[in-house]
N, C-alpha and C. Protein backbone atom coordinates (compact mmCIF):
# COMPACT_ATOMS: atom_id res chain seq x y z
N UNK A 1 110.31 103.19 235.34
CA UNK A 1 111.55 102.99 236.32
C UNK A 1 112.64 103.93 236.01
N UNK A 2 113.33 104.28 237.15
CA UNK A 2 114.46 105.40 237.13
C UNK A 2 115.42 104.80 236.27
N UNK A 3 115.97 105.67 235.25
CA UNK A 3 117.06 105.36 234.42
C UNK A 3 118.27 106.15 234.69
N UNK A 4 119.51 105.66 234.91
CA UNK A 4 120.65 106.36 235.49
C UNK A 4 121.80 106.02 234.68
N UNK A 5 122.45 106.98 234.06
CA UNK A 5 123.96 106.95 233.46
C UNK A 5 124.74 106.90 234.77
N UNK A 6 125.63 105.95 234.85
CA UNK A 6 126.58 105.72 235.86
C UNK A 6 127.94 105.91 235.43
N UNK A 7 128.58 107.00 235.97
CA UNK A 7 129.95 107.42 235.65
C UNK A 7 130.92 106.34 235.94
N UNK A 8 131.93 106.19 235.02
CA UNK A 8 132.87 105.04 235.26
C UNK A 8 133.55 105.08 236.48
N UNK A 9 133.67 106.43 237.19
CA UNK A 9 134.38 106.55 238.33
C UNK A 9 133.43 105.74 239.59
N UNK A 10 132.30 105.86 239.28
CA UNK A 10 131.29 104.98 240.17
C UNK A 10 131.51 103.62 240.19
N UNK A 11 131.72 103.08 239.03
CA UNK A 11 132.03 101.59 238.83
C UNK A 11 133.28 101.29 239.51
N UNK A 12 134.30 102.04 239.28
CA UNK A 12 135.66 101.65 239.87
C UNK A 12 135.41 101.90 241.32
N UNK A 13 134.78 102.84 241.90
CA UNK A 13 134.75 102.84 243.33
C UNK A 13 133.95 101.70 243.97
N UNK A 14 132.96 101.25 243.18
CA UNK A 14 132.17 100.08 243.76
C UNK A 14 133.01 98.79 243.53
N UNK A 15 133.93 98.73 242.61
CA UNK A 15 134.82 97.56 242.65
C UNK A 15 135.72 97.59 243.76
N UNK A 16 136.38 98.79 244.16
CA UNK A 16 137.23 98.88 245.27
C UNK A 16 136.57 98.77 246.60
N UNK A 17 135.41 99.15 246.70
CA UNK A 17 134.52 99.29 247.98
C UNK A 17 133.15 98.69 247.70
N UNK A 18 133.07 97.50 247.60
CA UNK A 18 131.77 96.98 247.40
C UNK A 18 130.78 97.13 248.52
N UNK A 19 131.22 97.38 249.74
CA UNK A 19 130.27 97.58 250.87
C UNK A 19 129.99 98.98 250.87
N UNK A 20 130.49 99.91 250.17
CA UNK A 20 130.38 101.45 250.32
C UNK A 20 129.18 101.84 249.59
N UNK A 21 128.95 103.11 249.63
CA UNK A 21 127.79 103.69 248.95
C UNK A 21 127.72 103.28 247.53
N UNK A 22 128.88 103.37 246.75
CA UNK A 22 128.83 103.03 245.23
C UNK A 22 128.51 101.56 245.13
N UNK A 23 129.12 100.80 245.86
CA UNK A 23 128.80 99.16 245.92
C UNK A 23 127.43 99.08 246.09
N UNK A 24 126.87 99.75 247.03
CA UNK A 24 125.40 99.43 247.39
C UNK A 24 124.47 99.86 246.04
N UNK A 25 124.88 101.06 245.63
CA UNK A 25 124.16 101.56 244.42
C UNK A 25 124.13 100.54 243.27
N UNK A 26 125.41 100.11 242.99
CA UNK A 26 125.38 99.11 241.89
C UNK A 26 124.81 97.94 242.04
N UNK A 27 124.75 97.40 243.26
CA UNK A 27 123.90 96.23 243.66
C UNK A 27 122.55 96.56 243.52
N UNK A 28 122.02 97.72 243.89
CA UNK A 28 120.67 98.01 243.79
C UNK A 28 120.32 98.02 242.15
N UNK A 29 121.24 98.67 241.38
CA UNK A 29 121.00 98.67 240.03
C UNK A 29 120.91 97.38 239.39
N UNK A 30 121.88 96.35 239.74
CA UNK A 30 121.80 95.02 239.29
C UNK A 30 120.67 94.29 239.67
N UNK A 31 120.08 94.69 240.78
CA UNK A 31 118.89 93.90 241.27
C UNK A 31 117.50 94.60 240.77
N UNK A 32 117.78 95.54 239.78
CA UNK A 32 116.59 96.02 239.20
C UNK A 32 115.93 97.14 239.80
N UNK A 33 116.48 97.88 240.98
CA UNK A 33 115.84 98.99 241.64
C UNK A 33 115.84 100.23 240.73
N UNK A 34 116.90 100.33 239.71
CA UNK A 34 116.92 101.22 238.73
C UNK A 34 117.48 100.60 237.46
N UNK A 35 117.46 101.24 236.34
CA UNK A 35 118.00 100.87 235.15
C UNK A 35 119.40 101.51 234.89
N UNK A 36 120.42 100.92 234.75
CA UNK A 36 121.75 101.48 234.46
C UNK A 36 121.65 101.68 232.99
N UNK A 37 122.14 102.88 232.63
CA UNK A 37 122.34 103.20 231.15
C UNK A 37 123.75 103.28 230.94
N UNK A 38 124.33 102.68 229.74
CA UNK A 38 125.59 102.56 229.49
C UNK A 38 125.77 102.73 227.86
N UNK A 39 126.88 103.18 227.26
CA UNK A 39 127.39 103.17 226.08
C UNK A 39 128.74 102.58 225.89
N UNK A 40 129.06 102.26 224.57
CA UNK A 40 130.44 101.85 224.38
C UNK A 40 131.68 102.75 225.02
N UNK A 41 131.44 104.00 224.87
CA UNK A 41 132.44 104.84 225.41
C UNK A 41 132.77 104.57 227.00
N UNK A 42 131.60 104.51 227.53
CA UNK A 42 131.44 104.43 228.93
C UNK A 42 132.08 103.05 229.47
N UNK A 43 131.60 102.01 228.81
CA UNK A 43 132.20 100.74 229.16
C UNK A 43 133.57 100.71 229.06
N UNK A 44 134.16 101.18 227.86
CA UNK A 44 135.46 101.32 227.54
C UNK A 44 136.41 102.02 228.59
N UNK A 45 135.86 103.26 229.07
CA UNK A 45 136.43 103.99 230.04
C UNK A 45 136.59 103.23 231.37
N UNK A 46 135.42 102.60 231.66
CA UNK A 46 135.39 101.85 232.90
C UNK A 46 136.32 100.68 232.87
N UNK A 47 136.40 99.91 231.63
CA UNK A 47 137.27 98.79 231.55
C UNK A 47 138.84 99.32 231.57
N UNK A 48 139.23 100.41 230.94
CA UNK A 48 140.49 101.00 231.00
C UNK A 48 140.82 101.39 232.52
N UNK A 49 140.06 102.02 233.23
CA UNK A 49 140.30 102.35 234.58
C UNK A 49 140.41 101.13 235.44
N UNK A 50 139.62 100.15 235.33
CA UNK A 50 139.51 98.96 236.23
C UNK A 50 140.85 98.03 235.94
N UNK A 51 141.43 98.15 234.61
CA UNK A 51 142.50 97.39 234.19
C UNK A 51 143.85 97.99 234.78
N UNK A 52 143.80 99.21 235.43
CA UNK A 52 144.99 99.91 235.87
C UNK A 52 145.83 99.00 236.89
N UNK A 53 147.17 98.77 236.69
CA UNK A 53 147.81 98.04 237.84
C UNK A 53 147.79 98.52 239.10
N UNK A 54 147.68 99.97 239.43
CA UNK A 54 147.53 100.54 240.62
C UNK A 54 146.29 100.07 241.46
N UNK A 55 145.24 99.52 240.84
CA UNK A 55 144.07 98.98 241.52
C UNK A 55 144.22 97.65 241.99
N UNK A 56 145.18 96.92 241.62
CA UNK A 56 145.45 95.54 242.09
C UNK A 56 145.49 95.35 243.58
N UNK A 57 145.95 96.35 244.42
CA UNK A 57 146.09 96.17 245.75
C UNK A 57 144.63 96.32 246.33
N UNK A 58 143.74 96.69 245.65
CA UNK A 58 142.30 96.89 246.25
C UNK A 58 141.45 95.91 245.71
N UNK A 59 141.51 95.48 244.39
CA UNK A 59 140.65 94.53 243.91
C UNK A 59 141.32 93.78 242.76
N UNK A 60 141.01 92.50 242.57
CA UNK A 60 141.81 91.73 241.44
C UNK A 60 141.10 92.06 240.23
N UNK A 61 141.95 91.95 239.07
CA UNK A 61 141.47 92.25 237.79
C UNK A 61 140.07 91.45 237.35
N UNK A 62 140.23 90.16 237.80
CA UNK A 62 139.13 89.34 237.48
C UNK A 62 137.77 89.66 238.08
N UNK A 63 137.91 90.20 239.53
CA UNK A 63 136.83 90.55 240.27
C UNK A 63 136.18 92.04 239.60
N UNK A 64 137.03 92.83 239.36
CA UNK A 64 136.77 94.18 238.61
C UNK A 64 136.25 93.98 237.32
N UNK A 65 136.70 93.15 236.41
CA UNK A 65 136.06 92.78 235.08
C UNK A 65 134.79 92.11 235.14
N UNK A 66 134.68 91.27 236.33
CA UNK A 66 133.44 90.42 236.43
C UNK A 66 132.22 91.43 236.81
N UNK A 67 132.58 92.42 237.63
CA UNK A 67 131.70 93.33 238.04
C UNK A 67 131.09 94.26 236.66
N UNK A 68 132.15 94.57 235.88
CA UNK A 68 131.74 95.32 234.57
C UNK A 68 130.98 94.40 233.81
N UNK A 69 131.22 93.27 233.71
CA UNK A 69 130.52 92.41 232.79
C UNK A 69 128.99 92.20 233.34
N UNK A 70 128.83 92.18 234.74
CA UNK A 70 127.52 92.17 235.40
C UNK A 70 126.68 93.37 235.05
N UNK A 71 127.32 94.62 235.05
CA UNK A 71 126.74 95.86 234.74
C UNK A 71 126.34 95.78 233.38
N UNK A 72 127.28 95.39 232.44
CA UNK A 72 127.01 95.30 230.91
C UNK A 72 125.73 94.48 230.58
N UNK A 73 125.69 93.28 231.36
CA UNK A 73 124.56 92.38 231.14
C UNK A 73 123.29 92.82 231.57
N UNK A 74 123.22 93.60 232.70
CA UNK A 74 122.05 94.12 233.09
C UNK A 74 121.55 95.49 232.64
N UNK A 75 122.66 96.15 232.16
CA UNK A 75 122.24 97.51 231.75
C UNK A 75 121.57 97.63 230.38
N UNK A 76 121.03 98.90 230.26
CA UNK A 76 120.33 99.31 228.95
C UNK A 76 121.48 99.92 228.19
N UNK A 77 121.82 99.40 227.10
CA UNK A 77 122.88 99.81 226.22
C UNK A 77 122.41 100.68 225.06
N UNK A 78 123.10 101.88 224.95
CA UNK A 78 122.80 102.84 223.98
C UNK A 78 124.03 103.00 223.03
N UNK A 79 123.74 103.71 222.11
CA UNK A 79 125.00 104.03 221.08
C UNK A 79 125.69 105.17 221.88
N UNK A 80 126.99 105.41 221.36
CA UNK A 80 127.66 106.49 221.81
C UNK A 80 126.96 107.78 221.32
N UNK A 81 126.88 108.78 222.18
CA UNK A 81 126.32 110.19 221.75
C UNK A 81 126.70 110.63 220.43
N UNK A 82 125.79 111.21 219.60
CA UNK A 82 126.09 111.56 218.38
C UNK A 82 126.71 112.93 218.56
N UNK A 83 126.17 113.85 219.36
CA UNK A 83 126.64 115.09 219.57
C UNK A 83 127.17 115.36 221.01
N UNK A 84 128.37 115.73 221.15
CA UNK A 84 128.90 115.96 222.42
C UNK A 84 129.25 117.58 222.56
N UNK A 85 128.48 118.31 223.19
CA UNK A 85 128.79 119.70 223.42
C UNK A 85 129.84 119.98 224.61
N UNK A 86 130.49 121.05 224.59
CA UNK A 86 131.33 121.34 225.75
C UNK A 86 130.26 121.82 226.80
N UNK A 87 130.40 121.15 227.92
CA UNK A 87 129.39 121.48 229.07
C UNK A 87 130.23 121.53 230.28
N UNK A 88 130.93 120.63 230.55
CA UNK A 88 131.71 120.59 231.91
C UNK A 88 133.09 121.22 231.91
N UNK A 89 133.63 121.27 233.01
CA UNK A 89 135.09 121.87 233.09
C UNK A 89 135.95 120.93 232.43
N UNK A 90 135.69 119.66 232.50
CA UNK A 90 136.49 118.57 231.96
C UNK A 90 135.69 118.07 230.74
N UNK A 91 136.31 118.44 229.61
CA UNK A 91 135.80 117.99 228.32
C UNK A 91 135.57 116.40 228.26
N UNK A 92 136.43 115.70 228.85
CA UNK A 92 136.28 114.22 228.86
C UNK A 92 135.04 113.62 229.58
N UNK A 93 134.36 114.49 230.35
CA UNK A 93 133.14 114.24 231.03
C UNK A 93 131.87 114.57 230.08
N UNK A 94 131.98 115.29 229.08
CA UNK A 94 130.89 115.77 228.47
C UNK A 94 130.10 114.71 227.60
N UNK A 95 130.70 113.60 227.44
CA UNK A 95 130.00 112.46 226.79
C UNK A 95 128.82 111.86 227.59
N UNK A 96 129.09 112.05 228.95
CA UNK A 96 128.27 111.36 229.86
C UNK A 96 126.90 112.25 229.96
N UNK A 97 127.09 113.59 229.86
CA UNK A 97 125.99 114.60 229.90
C UNK A 97 125.19 114.36 228.49
N UNK A 98 125.82 114.11 227.44
CA UNK A 98 125.44 113.79 226.11
C UNK A 98 124.53 112.56 226.25
N UNK A 99 125.27 111.46 226.88
CA UNK A 99 124.44 110.32 226.90
C UNK A 99 123.15 110.34 227.81
N UNK A 100 123.33 110.93 228.78
CA UNK A 100 122.07 111.38 229.57
C UNK A 100 121.00 111.98 228.76
N UNK A 101 121.43 113.08 228.16
CA UNK A 101 120.56 113.77 227.10
C UNK A 101 119.88 112.88 226.05
N UNK A 102 120.78 112.14 225.44
CA UNK A 102 120.09 111.46 224.20
C UNK A 102 119.28 110.08 224.61
N UNK A 103 119.69 109.65 225.80
CA UNK A 103 118.94 108.36 226.33
C UNK A 103 117.89 108.75 227.03
N UNK A 104 117.55 110.14 227.40
CA UNK A 104 116.41 110.56 228.30
C UNK A 104 116.61 110.02 229.69
N UNK A 105 117.83 109.86 230.16
CA UNK A 105 117.96 109.33 231.63
C UNK A 105 117.50 110.34 232.53
N UNK A 106 117.05 109.65 233.63
CA UNK A 106 116.52 110.55 234.79
C UNK A 106 117.66 110.99 235.62
N UNK A 107 118.79 110.29 235.75
CA UNK A 107 119.85 110.79 236.48
C UNK A 107 121.15 110.44 235.85
N UNK A 108 122.16 111.24 236.25
CA UNK A 108 123.52 110.95 235.99
C UNK A 108 124.33 110.86 237.28
N UNK A 109 124.87 109.66 237.63
CA UNK A 109 125.43 109.27 238.82
C UNK A 109 127.06 109.67 238.75
N UNK A 110 127.48 110.51 239.48
CA UNK A 110 128.96 110.70 239.41
C UNK A 110 129.43 111.10 240.85
N UNK A 111 130.86 110.89 240.97
CA UNK A 111 131.52 111.39 242.15
C UNK A 111 132.41 112.44 241.75
N UNK A 112 132.50 112.78 240.40
CA UNK A 112 133.40 113.56 239.81
C UNK A 112 133.04 115.15 240.22
N UNK A 113 133.97 115.71 240.58
CA UNK A 113 133.70 117.25 241.13
C UNK A 113 133.37 118.27 239.90
N UNK A 114 133.95 117.86 238.77
CA UNK A 114 133.47 118.68 237.50
C UNK A 114 132.15 118.50 237.05
N UNK A 115 131.65 117.18 237.19
CA UNK A 115 130.15 116.94 236.93
C UNK A 115 129.19 117.56 238.00
N UNK A 116 129.64 117.30 239.20
CA UNK A 116 128.81 117.63 240.37
C UNK A 116 128.69 119.30 240.53
N UNK A 117 129.61 119.89 239.85
CA UNK A 117 129.55 121.39 239.79
C UNK A 117 128.40 121.89 238.97
N UNK A 118 127.95 120.96 238.20
CA UNK A 118 126.83 121.31 237.27
C UNK A 118 125.41 120.98 237.79
N UNK A 119 125.48 120.40 239.06
CA UNK A 119 124.31 119.87 239.56
C UNK A 119 123.19 120.97 239.90
N UNK A 120 123.61 122.26 240.20
CA UNK A 120 122.68 123.37 240.35
C UNK A 120 121.80 123.53 239.17
N UNK A 121 122.44 123.53 237.93
CA UNK A 121 121.61 123.74 236.76
C UNK A 121 121.10 122.66 236.04
N UNK A 122 121.73 121.35 236.36
CA UNK A 122 121.21 120.08 235.83
C UNK A 122 120.80 119.22 237.01
N UNK A 123 119.56 119.21 237.34
CA UNK A 123 119.05 118.37 238.58
C UNK A 123 119.19 116.94 238.37
N UNK A 124 119.53 116.51 237.20
CA UNK A 124 119.80 115.03 237.02
C UNK A 124 120.98 114.47 237.65
N UNK A 125 121.93 115.41 237.74
CA UNK A 125 123.33 115.11 238.27
C UNK A 125 123.32 114.92 239.83
N UNK A 126 123.72 113.66 240.13
CA UNK A 126 123.67 113.50 241.69
C UNK A 126 124.83 112.68 242.20
N UNK A 127 125.37 112.90 243.31
CA UNK A 127 126.37 112.17 243.99
C UNK A 127 125.81 110.92 244.37
N UNK A 128 126.73 109.86 244.51
CA UNK A 128 126.23 108.52 245.11
C UNK A 128 125.51 108.62 246.33
N UNK A 129 125.86 109.39 247.26
CA UNK A 129 125.07 109.45 248.40
C UNK A 129 123.73 110.05 248.16
N UNK A 130 123.53 110.98 247.42
CA UNK A 130 122.29 111.64 247.13
C UNK A 130 121.41 110.67 246.44
N UNK A 131 121.87 109.87 245.61
CA UNK A 131 121.04 108.89 244.80
C UNK A 131 120.58 107.80 245.76
N UNK A 132 121.57 107.34 246.58
CA UNK A 132 121.31 106.32 247.53
C UNK A 132 120.19 106.83 248.47
N UNK A 133 120.29 107.94 249.00
CA UNK A 133 119.28 108.61 249.87
C UNK A 133 117.89 108.71 249.13
N UNK A 134 117.94 108.94 247.87
CA UNK A 134 116.70 109.09 246.99
C UNK A 134 115.99 107.59 246.96
N UNK A 135 116.86 106.67 246.83
CA UNK A 135 116.30 105.30 246.56
C UNK A 135 115.95 104.57 247.72
N UNK A 136 116.56 104.77 248.82
CA UNK A 136 116.30 103.98 250.15
C UNK A 136 116.13 104.94 251.29
N UNK A 137 116.21 106.08 251.11
CA UNK A 137 115.85 107.03 252.25
C UNK A 137 117.14 107.16 253.11
N UNK A 138 116.87 108.03 254.35
CA UNK A 138 118.17 108.22 255.10
C UNK A 138 118.25 107.13 256.27
N UNK A 139 117.44 106.15 256.13
CA UNK A 139 117.34 105.05 257.33
C UNK A 139 118.65 104.37 257.49
């Protein structure tokens, strides 16, 4: 089964737009179409982002945290990466690459330009649209 590290920005986007591409992907992951891979750092970052007051106009705190709890319940939980090398333009994203490396994930799903800039040299890094197309085709 395909194993995918899901960037917290994808979780936030899915909470805000459950019918959008990211929402569709999270539903596919929760339905077992692929295995979501998380670690405590990732869950904490997603929780912090989902708790921001500026998101309340898009999604209730309860709904956002319920989505995160669903993801945690369905995900393969790994320990935080032991070694985090400087890899991306944004040092704060490097733990996601390290998590993908240490967990031997097949994909790293992100909408972050700093991570997507690495996609040419790391074929695991995909945008939400590219992963959705890979999973269900262009239909």
